[in-house]
PDB file of N, CA and C in Angstrom:
ATOM      1  N   MET A   1      25.890  -1.657   8.913  1.00  0.00           N
ATOM      2  CA  MET A   1      26.468  -1.100   7.704  1.00  0.00           C
ATOM      3  C   MET A   1      26.049  -1.964   6.524  1.00  0.00           C
ATOM      4  N   SER A   2      25.831  -1.329   5.396  1.00  0.00           N
ATOM      5  CA  SER A   2      25.499  -2.018   4.156  1.00  0.00           C
ATOM      6  C   SER A   2      26.643  -2.946   3.742  1.00  0.00           C
ATOM      7  N   GLN A   3      26.318  -4.098   3.188  1.00  0.00           N
ATOM      8  CA  GLN A   3      27.349  -5.038   2.744  1.00  0.00           C
ATOM      9  C   GLN A   3      28.193  -4.441   1.615  1.00  0.00           C
ATOM     10  N   ILE A   4      27.575  -3.592   0.784  1.00  0.00           N
ATOM     11  CA  ILE A   4      28.304  -2.891  -0.282  1.00  0.00           C
ATOM     12  C   ILE A   4      28.246  -1.403   0.009  1.00  0.00           C
ATOM     13  N   THR A   5      29.416  -0.787   0.072  1.00  0.00           N
ATOM     14  CA  THR A   5      29.496   0.660   0.227  1.00  0.00           C
ATOM     15  C   THR A   5      30.322   1.225  -0.913  1.00  0.00           C
ATOM     16  N   THR A   6      30.177   2.513  -1.129  1.00  0.00           N
ATOM     17  CA  THR A   6      30.908   3.173  -2.198  1.00  0.00           C
ATOM     18  C   THR A   6      31.122   4.631  -1.839  1.00  0.00           C
ATOM     19  N   HIS A   7      32.043   5.242  -2.512  1.00  0.00           N
ATOM     20  CA  HIS A   7      32.135   6.695  -2.508  1.00  0.00           C
ATOM     21  C   HIS A   7      32.710   7.109  -3.852  1.00  0.00           C
ATOM     22  N   VAL A   8      32.375   8.342  -4.251  1.00  0.00           N
ATOM     23  CA  VAL A   8      32.837   8.871  -5.526  1.00  0.00           C
ATOM     24  C   VAL A   8      33.606  10.149  -5.248  1.00  0.00           C
ATOM     25  N   LEU A   9      34.833  10.202  -5.763  1.00  0.00           N
ATOM     26  CA  LEU A   9      35.692  11.371  -5.602  1.00  0.00           C
ATOM     27  C   LEU A   9      36.017  11.935  -6.975  1.00  0.00           C
ATOM     28  N   ASP A  10      35.795  13.223  -7.150  1.00  0.00           N
ATOM     29  CA  ASP A  10      36.145  13.912  -8.391  1.00  0.00           C
ATOM     30  C   ASP A  10      37.613  14.326  -8.274  1.00  0.00           C
ATOM     31  N   THR A  11      38.487  13.612  -8.964  1.00  0.00           N
ATOM     32  CA  THR A  11      39.923  13.881  -8.836  1.00  0.00           C
ATOM     33  C   THR A  11      40.334  15.175  -9.538  1.00  0.00           C
ATOM     34  N   ALA A  12      39.490  15.705 -10.416  1.00  0.00           N
ATOM     35  CA  ALA A  12      39.800  16.980 -11.062  1.00  0.00           C
ATOM     36  C   ALA A  12      39.642  18.141 -10.081  1.00  0.00           C
ATOM     37  N   THR A  13      38.719  17.994  -9.116  1.00  0.00           N
ATOM     38  CA  THR A  13      38.503  19.050  -8.133  1.00  0.00           C
ATOM     39  C   THR A  13      39.049  18.688  -6.759  1.00  0.00           C
ATOM     40  N   GLY A  14      39.295  17.396  -6.543  1.00  0.00           N
ATOM     41  CA  GLY A  14      39.736  16.930  -5.240  1.00  0.00           C
ATOM     42  C   GLY A  14      38.621  16.865  -4.219  1.00  0.00           C
ATOM     43  N   LEU A  15      37.368  16.885  -4.699  1.00  0.00           N
ATOM     44  CA  LEU A  15      36.209  16.911  -3.802  1.00  0.00           C
ATOM     45  C   LEU A  15      35.308  15.699  -4.021  1.00  0.00           C
ATOM     46  N   PRO A  16      34.528  15.342  -2.997  1.00  0.00           N
ATOM     47  CA  PRO A  16      33.532  14.292  -3.192  1.00  0.00           C
ATOM     48  C   PRO A  16      32.528  14.708  -4.269  1.00  0.00           C
ATOM     49  N   ALA A  17      32.008  13.723  -4.989  1.00  0.00           N
ATOM     50  CA  ALA A  17      31.045  13.987  -6.055  1.00  0.00           C
ATOM     51  C   ALA A  17      29.640  13.691  -5.537  1.00  0.00           C
ATOM     52  N   ALA A  18      28.880  14.746  -5.282  1.00  0.00           N
ATOM     53  CA  ALA A  18      27.517  14.618  -4.771  1.00  0.00           C
ATOM     54  C   ALA A  18      26.520  14.568  -5.921  1.00  0.00           C
ATOM     55  N   GLY A  19      25.409  13.892  -5.676  1.00  0.00           N
ATOM     56  CA  GLY A  19      24.305  13.884  -6.635  1.00  0.00           C
ATOM     57  C   GLY A  19      24.431  12.870  -7.754  1.00  0.00           C
ATOM     58  N   ILE A  20      25.280  11.863  -7.599  1.00  0.00           N
ATOM     59  CA  ILE A  20      25.457  10.857  -8.648  1.00  0.00           C
ATOM     60  C   ILE A  20      24.542   9.668  -8.367  1.00  0.00           C
ATOM     61  N   PRO A  21      23.610   9.392  -9.290  1.00  0.00           N
ATOM     62  CA  PRO A  21      22.762   8.209  -9.131  1.00  0.00           C
ATOM     63  C   PRO A  21      23.569   6.930  -9.360  1.00  0.00           C
ATOM     64  N   ILE A  22      23.346   5.962  -8.480  1.00  0.00           N
ATOM     65  CA  ILE A  22      24.025   4.671  -8.570  1.00  0.00           C
ATOM     66  C   ILE A  22      22.974   3.579  -8.449  1.00  0.00           C
ATOM     67  N   SER A  23      23.072   2.592  -9.326  1.00  0.00           N
ATOM     68  CA  SER A  23      22.189   1.428  -9.258  1.00  0.00           C
ATOM     69  C   SER A  23      23.032   0.181  -9.074  1.00  0.00           C
ATOM     70  N   LEU A  24      22.504  -0.761  -8.298  1.00  0.00           N
ATOM     71  CA  LEU A  24      23.162  -2.039  -8.062  1.00  0.00           C
ATOM     72  C   LEU A  24      22.327  -3.137  -8.713  1.00  0.00           C
ATOM     73  N   TYR A  25      22.995  -3.977  -9.499  1.00  0.00           N
ATOM     74  CA  TYR A  25      22.329  -5.053 -10.234  1.00  0.00           C
ATOM     75  C   TYR A  25      22.953  -6.392  -9.875  1.00  0.00           C
ATOM     76  N   HIS A  26      22.160  -7.447 -10.039  1.00  0.00           N
ATOM     77  CA  HIS A  26      22.635  -8.822  -9.873  1.00  0.00           C
ATOM     78  C   HIS A  26      22.376  -9.558 -11.180  1.00  0.00           C
ATOM     79  N   LEU A  27      23.358 -10.334 -11.630  1.00  0.00           N
ATOM     80  CA  LEU A  27      23.203 -11.130 -12.849  1.00  0.00           C
ATOM     81  C   LEU A  27      22.487 -12.427 -12.481  1.00  0.00           C
ATOM     82  N   ASP A  28      21.303 -12.604 -13.028  1.00  0.00           N
ATOM     83  CA  ASP A  28      20.483 -13.771 -12.719  1.00  0.00           C
ATOM     84  C   ASP A  28      20.041 -14.435 -14.017  1.00  0.00           C
ATOM     85  N   LYS A  29      20.586 -15.608 -14.292  1.00  0.00           N
ATOM     86  CA  LYS A  29      20.251 -16.378 -15.492  1.00  0.00           C
ATOM     87  C   LYS A  29      20.413 -15.550 -16.763  1.00  0.00           C
ATOM     88  N   GLY A  30      21.504 -14.800 -16.821  1.00  0.00           N
ATOM     89  CA  GLY A  30      21.830 -14.013 -18.008  1.00  0.00           C
ATOM     90  C   GLY A  30      21.170 -12.649 -18.089  1.00  0.00           C
ATOM     91  N   ASN A  31      20.365 -12.284 -17.097  1.00  0.00           N
ATOM     92  CA  ASN A  31      19.688 -10.984 -17.085  1.00  0.00           C
ATOM     93  C   ASN A  31      20.133 -10.165 -15.883  1.00  0.00           C
ATOM     94  N   TRP A  32      20.368  -8.877 -16.117  1.00  0.00           N
ATOM     95  CA  TRP A  32      20.731  -7.978 -15.027  1.00  0.00           C
ATOM     96  C   TRP A  32      19.457  -7.480 -14.352  1.00  0.00           C
ATOM     97  N   ILE A  33      19.333  -7.743 -13.061  1.00  0.00           N
ATOM     98  CA  ILE A  33      18.163  -7.357 -12.271  1.00  0.00           C
ATOM     99  C   ILE A  33      18.592  -6.265 -11.290  1.00  0.00           C
ATOM    100  N   GLU A  34      17.923  -5.110 -11.356  1.00  0.00           N
ATOM    101  CA  GLU A  34      18.246  -4.030 -10.417  1.00  0.00           C
ATOM    102  C   GLU A  34      17.727  -4.411  -9.033  1.00  0.00           C
ATOM    103  N   ILE A  35      18.603  -4.307  -8.032  1.00  0.00           N
ATOM    104  CA  ILE A  35      18.201  -4.667  -6.674  1.00  0.00           C
ATOM    105  C   ILE A  35      18.249  -3.484  -5.707  1.00  0.00           C
ATOM    106  N   SER A  36      18.897  -2.395  -6.103  1.00  0.00           N
ATOM    107  CA  SER A  36      18.984  -1.240  -5.222  1.00  0.00           C
ATOM    108  C   SER A  36      19.441  -0.024  -6.014  1.00  0.00           C
ATOM    109  N   GLN A  37      19.139   1.147  -5.472  1.00  0.00           N
ATOM    110  CA  GLN A  37      19.615   2.384  -6.082  1.00  0.00           C
ATOM    111  C   GLN A  37      19.713   3.471  -5.023  1.00  0.00           C
ATOM    112  N   GLY A  38      20.492   4.472  -5.333  1.00  0.00           N
ATOM    113  CA  GLY A  38      20.650   5.599  -4.428  1.00  0.00           C
ATOM    114  C   GLY A  38      21.378   6.730  -5.126  1.00  0.00           C
ATOM    115  N   VAL A  39      21.597   7.809  -4.403  1.00  0.00           N
ATOM    116  CA  VAL A  39      22.273   9.000  -4.933  1.00  0.00           C
ATOM    117  C   VAL A  39      23.328   9.418  -3.918  1.00  0.00           C
ATOM    118  N   THR A  40      24.525   9.736  -4.410  1.00  0.00           N
ATOM    119  CA  THR A  40      25.597  10.125  -3.493  1.00  0.00           C
ATOM    120  C   THR A  40      25.256  11.418  -2.755  1.00  0.00           C
ATOM    121  N   ASN A  41      25.643  11.453  -1.471  1.00  0.00           N
ATOM    122  CA  ASN A  41      25.415  12.638  -0.649  1.00  0.00           C
ATOM    123  C   ASN A  41      26.570  13.632  -0.803  1.00  0.00           C
ATOM    124  N   GLN A  42      26.609  14.637   0.047  1.00  0.00           N
ATOM    125  CA  GLN A  42      27.643  15.680  -0.042  1.00  0.00           C
ATOM    126  C   GLN A  42      29.038  15.135   0.193  1.00  0.00           C
ATOM    127  N   ASP A  43      29.138  13.969   0.828  1.00  0.00           N
ATOM    128  CA  ASP A  43      30.430  13.329   1.061  1.00  0.00           C
ATOM    129  C   ASP A  43      30.754  12.325  -0.049  1.00  0.00           C
ATOM    130  N   GLY A  44      29.918  12.291  -1.097  1.00  0.00           N
ATOM    131  CA  GLY A  44      30.140  11.373  -2.218  1.00  0.00           C
ATOM    132  C   GLY A  44      29.806   9.928  -1.891  1.00  0.00           C
ATOM    133  N   ARG A  45      29.015   9.700  -0.841  1.00  0.00           N
ATOM    134  CA  ARG A  45      28.696   8.342  -0.378  1.00  0.00           C
ATOM    135  C   ARG A  45      27.197   8.088  -0.400  1.00  0.00           C
ATOM    136  N   ILE A  46      26.850   6.805  -0.372  1.00  0.00           N
ATOM    137  CA  ILE A  46      25.469   6.388  -0.152  1.00  0.00           C
ATOM    138  C   ILE A  46      25.477   5.553   1.117  1.00  0.00           C
ATOM    139  N   ALA A  47      24.822   6.053   2.136  1.00  0.00           N
ATOM    140  CA  ALA A  47      24.886   5.405   3.442  1.00  0.00           C
ATOM    141  C   ALA A  47      24.108   4.090   3.488  1.00  0.00           C
ATOM    142  N   ASP A  48      23.077   3.963   2.686  1.00  0.00           N
ATOM    143  CA  ASP A  48      22.190   2.809   2.815  1.00  0.00           C
ATOM    144  C   ASP A  48      21.851   2.194   1.458  1.00  0.00           C
ATOM    145  N   LEU A  49      22.867   1.869   0.679  1.00  0.00           N
ATOM    146  CA  LEU A  49      22.611   1.243  -0.617  1.00  0.00           C
ATOM    147  C   LEU A  49      21.846  -0.062  -0.430  1.00  0.00           C
ATOM    148  N   LEU A  50      22.187  -0.802   0.615  1.00  0.00           N
ATOM    149  CA  LEU A  50      21.458  -2.006   1.027  1.00  0.00           C
ATOM    150  C   LEU A  50      21.145  -1.879   2.510  1.00  0.00           C
ATOM    151  N   ALA A  51      20.044  -2.473   2.936  1.00  0.00           N
ATOM    152  CA  ALA A  51      19.758  -2.521   4.371  1.00  0.00           C
ATOM    153  C   ALA A  51      20.855  -3.332   5.059  1.00  0.00           C
ATOM    154  N   SER A  52      21.144  -2.996   6.309  1.00  0.00           N
ATOM    155  CA  SER A  52      22.255  -3.636   7.008  1.00  0.00           C
ATOM    156  C   SER A  52      22.062  -5.135   7.216  1.00  0.00           C
ATOM    157  N   ASP A  53      20.834  -5.619   7.162  1.00  0.00           N
ATOM    158  CA  ASP A  53      20.582  -7.047   7.363  1.00  0.00           C
ATOM    159  C   ASP A  53      20.545  -7.847   6.056  1.00  0.00           C
ATOM    160  N   VAL A  54      20.755  -7.185   4.917  1.00  0.00           N
ATOM    161  CA  VAL A  54      20.744  -7.879   3.620  1.00  0.00           C
ATOM    162  C   VAL A  54      22.113  -8.502   3.366  1.00  0.00           C
ATOM    163  N   ILE A  55      22.133  -9.810   3.119  1.00  0.00           N
ATOM    164  CA  ILE A  55      23.347 -10.533   2.747  1.00  0.00           C
ATOM    165  C   ILE A  55      23.154 -11.037   1.317  1.00  0.00           C
ATOM    166  N   LEU A  56      23.998 -10.585   0.430  1.00  0.00           N
ATOM    167  CA  LEU A  56      23.864 -10.951  -0.981  1.00  0.00           C
ATOM    168  C   LEU A  56      24.407 -12.349  -1.245  1.00  0.00           C
ATOM    169  N   ALA A  57      23.746 -13.043  -2.144  1.00  0.00           N
ATOM    170  CA  ALA A  57      24.185 -14.376  -2.560  1.00  0.00           C
ATOM    171  C   ALA A  57      25.452 -14.261  -3.399  1.00  0.00           C
ATOM    172  N   ALA A  58      26.189 -15.343  -3.484  1.00  0.00           N
ATOM    173  CA  ALA A  58      27.364 -15.375  -4.361  1.00  0.00           C
ATOM    174  C   ALA A  58      26.927 -15.103  -5.784  1.00  0.00           C
ATOM    175  N   GLY A  59      27.772 -14.416  -6.538  1.00  0.00           N
ATOM    176  CA  GLY A  59      27.454 -14.168  -7.937  1.00  0.00           C
ATOM    177  C   GLY A  59      28.075 -12.892  -8.453  1.00  0.00           C
ATOM    178  N   ARG A  60      27.668 -12.533  -9.661  1.00  0.00           N
ATOM    179  CA  ARG A  60      28.185 -11.332 -10.315  1.00  0.00           C
ATOM    180  C   ARG A  60      27.222 -10.176 -10.074  1.00  0.00           C
ATOM    181  N   TYR A  61      27.819  -9.036  -9.721  1.00  0.00           N
ATOM    182  CA  TYR A  61      27.060  -7.825  -9.446  1.00  0.00           C
ATOM    183  C   TYR A  61      27.637  -6.677 -10.269  1.00  0.00           C
ATOM    184  N   ARG A  62      26.795  -5.697 -10.517  1.00  0.00           N
ATOM    185  CA  ARG A  62      27.210  -4.510 -11.288  1.00  0.00           C
ATOM    186  C   ARG A  62      26.731  -3.267 -10.555  1.00  0.00           C
ATOM    187  N   MET A  63      27.644  -2.313 -10.415  1.00  0.00           N
ATOM    188  CA  MET A  63      27.268  -0.983  -9.941  1.00  0.00           C
ATOM    189  C   MET A  63      27.356  -0.046 -11.131  1.00  0.00           C
ATOM    190  N   ARG A  64      26.263   0.664 -11.382  1.00  0.00           N
ATOM    191  CA  ARG A  64      26.226   1.626 -12.491  1.00  0.00           C
ATOM    192  C   ARG A  64      26.199   3.035 -11.903  1.00  0.00           C
ATOM    193  N   PHE A  65      27.217   3.816 -12.255  1.00  0.00           N
ATOM    194  CA  PHE A  65      27.365   5.197 -11.822  1.00  0.00           C
ATOM    195  C   PHE A  65      26.991   6.094 -13.003  1.00  0.00           C
ATOM    196  N   MET A  66      25.941   6.880 -12.855  1.00  0.00           N
ATOM    197  CA  MET A  66      25.488   7.771 -13.919  1.00  0.00           C
ATOM    198  C   MET A  66      26.191   9.134 -13.750  1.00  0.00           C
ATOM    199  N   LEU A  67      27.130   9.436 -14.649  1.00  0.00           N
ATOM    200  CA  LEU A  67      28.011  10.601 -14.483  1.00  0.00           C
ATOM    201  C   LEU A  67      27.648  11.804 -15.329  1.00  0.00           C
ATOM    202  N   GLU A  68      26.909  11.622 -16.398  1.00  0.00           N
ATOM    203  CA  GLU A  68      26.695  12.685 -17.375  1.00  0.00           C
ATOM    204  C   GLU A  68      26.112  13.955 -16.753  1.00  0.00           C
ATOM    205  N   ASN A  69      25.052  13.841 -15.950  1.00  0.00           N
ATOM    206  CA  ASN A  69      24.446  15.035 -15.349  1.00  0.00           C
ATOM    207  C   ASN A  69      25.368  15.695 -14.329  1.00  0.00           C
ATOM    208  N   TYR A  70      26.162  14.889 -13.625  1.00  0.00           N
ATOM    209  CA  TYR A  70      27.110  15.462 -12.665  1.00  0.00           C
ATOM    210  C   TYR A  70      28.097  16.379 -13.380  1.00  0.00           C
ATOM    211  N   PHE A  71      28.720  15.875 -14.434  1.00  0.00           N
ATOM    212  CA  PHE A  71      29.698  16.703 -15.146  1.00  0.00           C
ATOM    213  C   PHE A  71      29.038  17.890 -15.837  1.00  0.00           C
ATOM    214  N   SER A  72      27.848  17.688 -16.361  1.00  0.00           N
ATOM    215  CA  SER A  72      27.116  18.793 -16.977  1.00  0.00           C
ATOM    216  C   SER A  72      26.859  19.897 -15.950  1.00  0.00           C
ATOM    217  N   SER A  73      26.494  19.522 -14.729  1.00  0.00           N
ATOM    218  CA  SER A  73      26.248  20.518 -13.685  1.00  0.00           C
ATOM    219  C   SER A  73      27.525  21.247 -13.270  1.00  0.00           C
ATOM    220  N   GLN A  74      28.684  20.657 -13.552  1.00  0.00           N
ATOM    221  CA  GLN A  74      29.980  21.270 -13.263  1.00  0.00           C
ATOM    222  C   GLN A  74      30.518  22.055 -14.461  1.00  0.00           C
ATOM    223  N   ASP A  75      29.698  22.164 -15.516  1.00  0.00           N
ATOM    224  CA  ASP A  75      30.121  22.796 -16.780  1.00  0.00           C
ATOM    225  C   ASP A  75      31.365  22.124 -17.343  1.00  0.00           C
ATOM    226  N   GLN A  76      31.393  20.794 -17.243  1.00  0.00           N
ATOM    227  CA  GLN A  76      32.499  19.988 -17.746  1.00  0.00           C
ATOM    228  C   GLN A  76      31.985  19.035 -18.819  1.00  0.00           C
ATOM    229  N   PRO A  77      32.781  18.823 -19.856  1.00  0.00           N
ATOM    230  CA  PRO A  77      32.418  17.759 -20.800  1.00  0.00           C
ATOM    231  C   PRO A  77      32.601  16.413 -20.094  1.00  0.00           C
ATOM    232  N   SER A  78      31.946  15.386 -20.615  1.00  0.00           N
ATOM    233  CA  SER A  78      32.109  14.063 -20.021  1.00  0.00           C
ATOM    234  C   SER A  78      32.284  13.034 -21.116  1.00  0.00           C
ATOM    235  N   PHE A  79      33.451  12.449 -21.183  1.00  0.00           N
ATOM    236  CA  PHE A  79      33.715  11.395 -22.156  1.00  0.00           C
ATOM    237  C   PHE A  79      32.972  10.116 -21.768  1.00  0.00           C
ATOM    238  N   TYR A  80      32.826   9.887 -20.466  1.00  0.00           N
ATOM    239  CA  TYR A  80      32.150   8.690 -19.957  1.00  0.00           C
ATOM    240  C   TYR A  80      30.819   9.097 -19.320  1.00  0.00           C
ATOM    241  N   PRO A  81      29.697   8.901 -20.004  1.00  0.00           N
ATOM    242  CA  PRO A  81      28.406   9.279 -19.430  1.00  0.00           C
ATOM    243  C   PRO A  81      27.990   8.379 -18.264  1.00  0.00           C
ATOM    244  N   GLN A  82      28.513   7.168 -18.245  1.00  0.00           N
ATOM    245  CA  GLN A  82      28.261   6.267 -17.127  1.00  0.00           C
ATOM    246  C   GLN A  82      29.435   5.317 -16.998  1.00  0.00           C
ATOM    247  N   VAL A  83      29.584   4.772 -15.793  1.00  0.00           N
ATOM    248  CA  VAL A  83      30.613   3.772 -15.538  1.00  0.00           C
ATOM    249  C   VAL A  83      29.935   2.574 -14.895  1.00  0.00           C
ATOM    250  N   ASP A  84      30.198   1.404 -15.447  1.00  0.00           N
ATOM    251  CA  ASP A  84      29.728   0.155 -14.865  1.00  0.00           C
ATOM    252  C   ASP A  84      30.913  -0.578 -14.263  1.00  0.00           C
ATOM    253  N   ILE A  85      30.774  -0.984 -13.015  1.00  0.00           N
ATOM    254  CA  ILE A  85      31.796  -1.783 -12.355  1.00  0.00           C
ATOM    255  C   ILE A  85      31.167  -3.131 -12.048  1.00  0.00           C
ATOM    256  N   GLU A  86      31.731  -4.183 -12.612  1.00  0.00           N
ATOM    257  CA  GLU A  86      31.240  -5.528 -12.347  1.00  0.00           C
ATOM    258  C   GLU A  86      32.219  -6.244 -11.430  1.00  0.00           C
ATOM    259  N   CYS A  87      31.665  -7.005 -10.487  1.00  0.00           N
ATOM    260  CA  CYS A  87      32.510  -7.741  -9.563  1.00  0.00           C
ATOM    261  C   CYS A  87      31.817  -9.029  -9.150  1.00  0.00           C
ATOM    262  N   ASN A  88      32.613  -9.967  -8.673  1.00  0.00           N
ATOM    263  CA  ASN A  88      32.109 -11.243  -8.180  1.00  0.00           C
ATOM    264  C   ASN A  88      32.118 -11.223  -6.662  1.00  0.00           C
ATOM    265  N   LEU A  89      30.972 -11.491  -6.055  1.00  0.00           N
ATOM    266  CA  LEU A  89      30.861 -11.555  -4.605  1.00  0.00           C
ATOM    267  C   LEU A  89      30.849 -13.013  -4.169  1.00  0.00           C
ATOM    268  N   SER A  90      31.442 -13.268  -3.029  1.00  0.00           N
ATOM    269  CA  SER A  90      31.635 -14.639  -2.554  1.00  0.00           C
ATOM    270  C   SER A  90      30.386 -15.269  -1.952  1.00  0.00           C
ATOM    271  N   GLY A  91      29.462 -14.457  -1.467  1.00  0.00           N
ATOM    272  CA  GLY A  91      28.287 -14.990  -0.800  1.00  0.00           C
ATOM    273  C   GLY A  91      28.520 -15.291   0.670  1.00  0.00           C
ATOM    274  N   ALA A  92      29.700 -14.955   1.167  1.00  0.00           N
ATOM    275  CA  ALA A  92      30.054 -15.235   2.564  1.00  0.00           C
ATOM    276  C   ALA A  92      29.670 -14.097   3.507  1.00  0.00           C
ATOM    277  N   GLY A  93      29.019 -13.060   2.971  1.00  0.00           N
ATOM    278  CA  GLY A  93      28.631 -11.933   3.814  1.00  0.00           C
ATOM    279  C   GLY A  93      29.737 -10.924   4.033  1.00  0.00           C
ATOM    280  N   ASP A  94      30.837 -11.037   3.285  1.00  0.00           N
ATOM    281  CA  ASP A  94      31.948 -10.081   3.402  1.00  0.00           C
ATOM    282  C   ASP A  94      31.477  -8.673   3.057  1.00  0.00           C
ATOM    283  N   HIS A  95      32.205  -7.681   3.580  1.00  0.00           N
ATOM    284  CA  HIS A  95      31.948  -6.286   3.221  1.00  0.00           C
ATOM    285  C   HIS A  95      32.731  -5.934   1.964  1.00  0.00           C
ATOM    286  N   TYR A  96      32.087  -5.222   1.050  1.00  0.00           N
ATOM    287  CA  TYR A  96      32.733  -4.785  -0.190  1.00  0.00           C
ATOM    288  C   TYR A  96      32.616  -3.269  -0.289  1.00  0.00           C
ATOM    289  N   HIS A  97      33.764  -2.596  -0.303  1.00  0.00           N
ATOM    290  CA  HIS A  97      33.781  -1.152  -0.517  1.00  0.00           C
ATOM    291  C   HIS A  97      34.301  -0.929  -1.925  1.00  0.00           C
ATOM    292  N   ILE A  98      33.487  -0.273  -2.758  1.00  0.00           N
ATOM    293  CA  ILE A  98      33.809  -0.114  -4.179  1.00  0.00           C
ATOM    294  C   ILE A  98      33.820   1.375  -4.518  1.00  0.00           C
ATOM    295  N   PRO A  99      34.956   2.038  -4.328  1.00  0.00           N
ATOM    296  CA  PRO A  99      35.044   3.457  -4.638  1.00  0.00           C
ATOM    297  C   PRO A  99      35.263   3.706  -6.130  1.00  0.00           C
ATOM    298  N   LEU A 100      34.902   4.910  -6.553  1.00  0.00           N
ATOM    299  CA  LEU A 100      35.122   5.340  -7.932  1.00  0.00           C
ATOM    300  C   LEU A 100      35.776   6.714  -7.903  1.00  0.00           C
ATOM    301  N   LEU A 101      36.913   6.830  -8.546  1.00  0.00           N
ATOM    302  CA  LEU A 101      37.609   8.107  -8.706  1.00  0.00           C
ATOM    303  C   LEU A 101      37.365   8.561 -10.139  1.00  0.00           C
ATOM    304  N   ILE A 102      36.822   9.764 -10.303  1.00  0.00           N
ATOM    305  CA  ILE A 102      36.417  10.225 -11.634  1.00  0.00           C
ATOM    306  C   ILE A 102      37.074  11.543 -12.004  1.00  0.00           C
ATOM    307  N   SER A 103      37.170  11.754 -13.300  1.00  0.00           N
ATOM    308  CA  SER A 103      37.497  13.049 -13.887  1.00  0.00           C
ATOM    309  C   SER A 103      36.746  13.067 -15.221  1.00  0.00           C
ATOM    310  N   PRO A 104      36.672  14.207 -15.900  1.00  0.00           N
ATOM    311  CA  PRO A 104      35.911  14.235 -17.145  1.00  0.00           C
ATOM    312  C   PRO A 104      36.412  13.246 -18.211  1.00  0.00           C
ATOM    313  N   PHE A 105      37.675  12.853 -18.137  1.00  0.00           N
ATOM    314  CA  PHE A 105      38.229  12.006 -19.200  1.00  0.00           C
ATOM    315  C   PHE A 105      38.863  10.719 -18.680  1.00  0.00           C
ATOM    316  N   GLY A 106      38.524  10.327 -17.469  1.00  0.00           N
ATOM    317  CA  GLY A 106      39.074   9.078 -16.953  1.00  0.00           C
ATOM    318  C   GLY A 106      38.431   8.683 -15.650  1.00  0.00           C
ATOM    319  N   TYR A 107      38.651   7.430 -15.269  1.00  0.00           N
ATOM    320  CA  TYR A 107      38.174   6.940 -13.989  1.00  0.00           C
ATOM    321  C   TYR A 107      39.015   5.745 -13.560  1.00  0.00           C
ATOM    322  N   THR A 108      38.961   5.461 -12.262  1.00  0.00           N
ATOM    323  CA  THR A 108      39.622   4.274 -11.722  1.00  0.00           C
ATOM    324  C   THR A 108      38.819   3.779 -10.529  1.00  0.00           C
ATOM    325  N   THR A 109      39.007   2.523 -10.205  1.00  0.00           N
ATOM    326  CA  THR A 109      38.312   1.924  -9.082  1.00  0.00           C
ATOM    327  C   THR A 109      39.210   0.855  -8.459  1.00  0.00           C
ATOM    328  N   TYR A 110      38.844   0.403  -7.281  1.00  0.00           N
ATOM    329  CA  TYR A 110      39.596  -0.636  -6.594  1.00  0.00           C
ATOM    330  C   TYR A 110      38.684  -1.208  -5.520  1.00  0.00           C
ATOM    331  N   ARG A 111      39.055  -2.324  -4.941  1.00  0.00           N
ATOM    332  CA  ARG A 111      38.309  -2.842  -3.796  1.00  0.00           C
ATOM    333  C   ARG A 111      38.921  -2.237  -2.549  1.00  0.00           C
ATOM    334  N   GLY A 112      38.149  -1.445  -1.878  1.00  0.00           N
ATOM    335  CA  GLY A 112      38.602  -0.806  -0.649  1.00  0.00           C
ATOM    336  C   GLY A 112      38.262  -1.652   0.553  1.00  0.00           C
ATOM    337  N   SER A 113      38.439  -1.055   1.730  1.00  0.00           N
ATOM    338  CA  SER A 113      38.140  -1.787   2.967  1.00  0.00           C
ATOM    339  C   SER A 113      37.131  -1.020   3.788  1.00  0.00           C
TER     340      SER A 113
END
C-alpha cells in the first residue's frame, strides 16, 4: 500500500468524486517539488499515488486537489478551484490517509487511518 492514501467524497451528492487530479509535493529548501500525481477513480481514490516501497523523508508535504473541472462537469459553481492540504510527515514510514470532503462552497479534511 502507498504510504500516502486519499479519497475524495462529494458531500453535496454523497458520492465519491471521480476524475480529480491530485499532485503530491515535498518542500525542499523553500521550493515545492512535485513528486507524484494521479487522478481519482470511480471510488474517489488513487490506488498508487506512491509505489508501495517508497518511504518519504521527514518534512512538509502538500497535496493539491484540482476541483474546478470536477464541479464544472457536474454543472456546479466552484468557490474553491483547488484545495491544498499541507502536512508534516515524521519520516518513520507511518501510513498517512488524507481524505477530502468537498462541496461547491466548502471542504474539510482530517488524518484518517
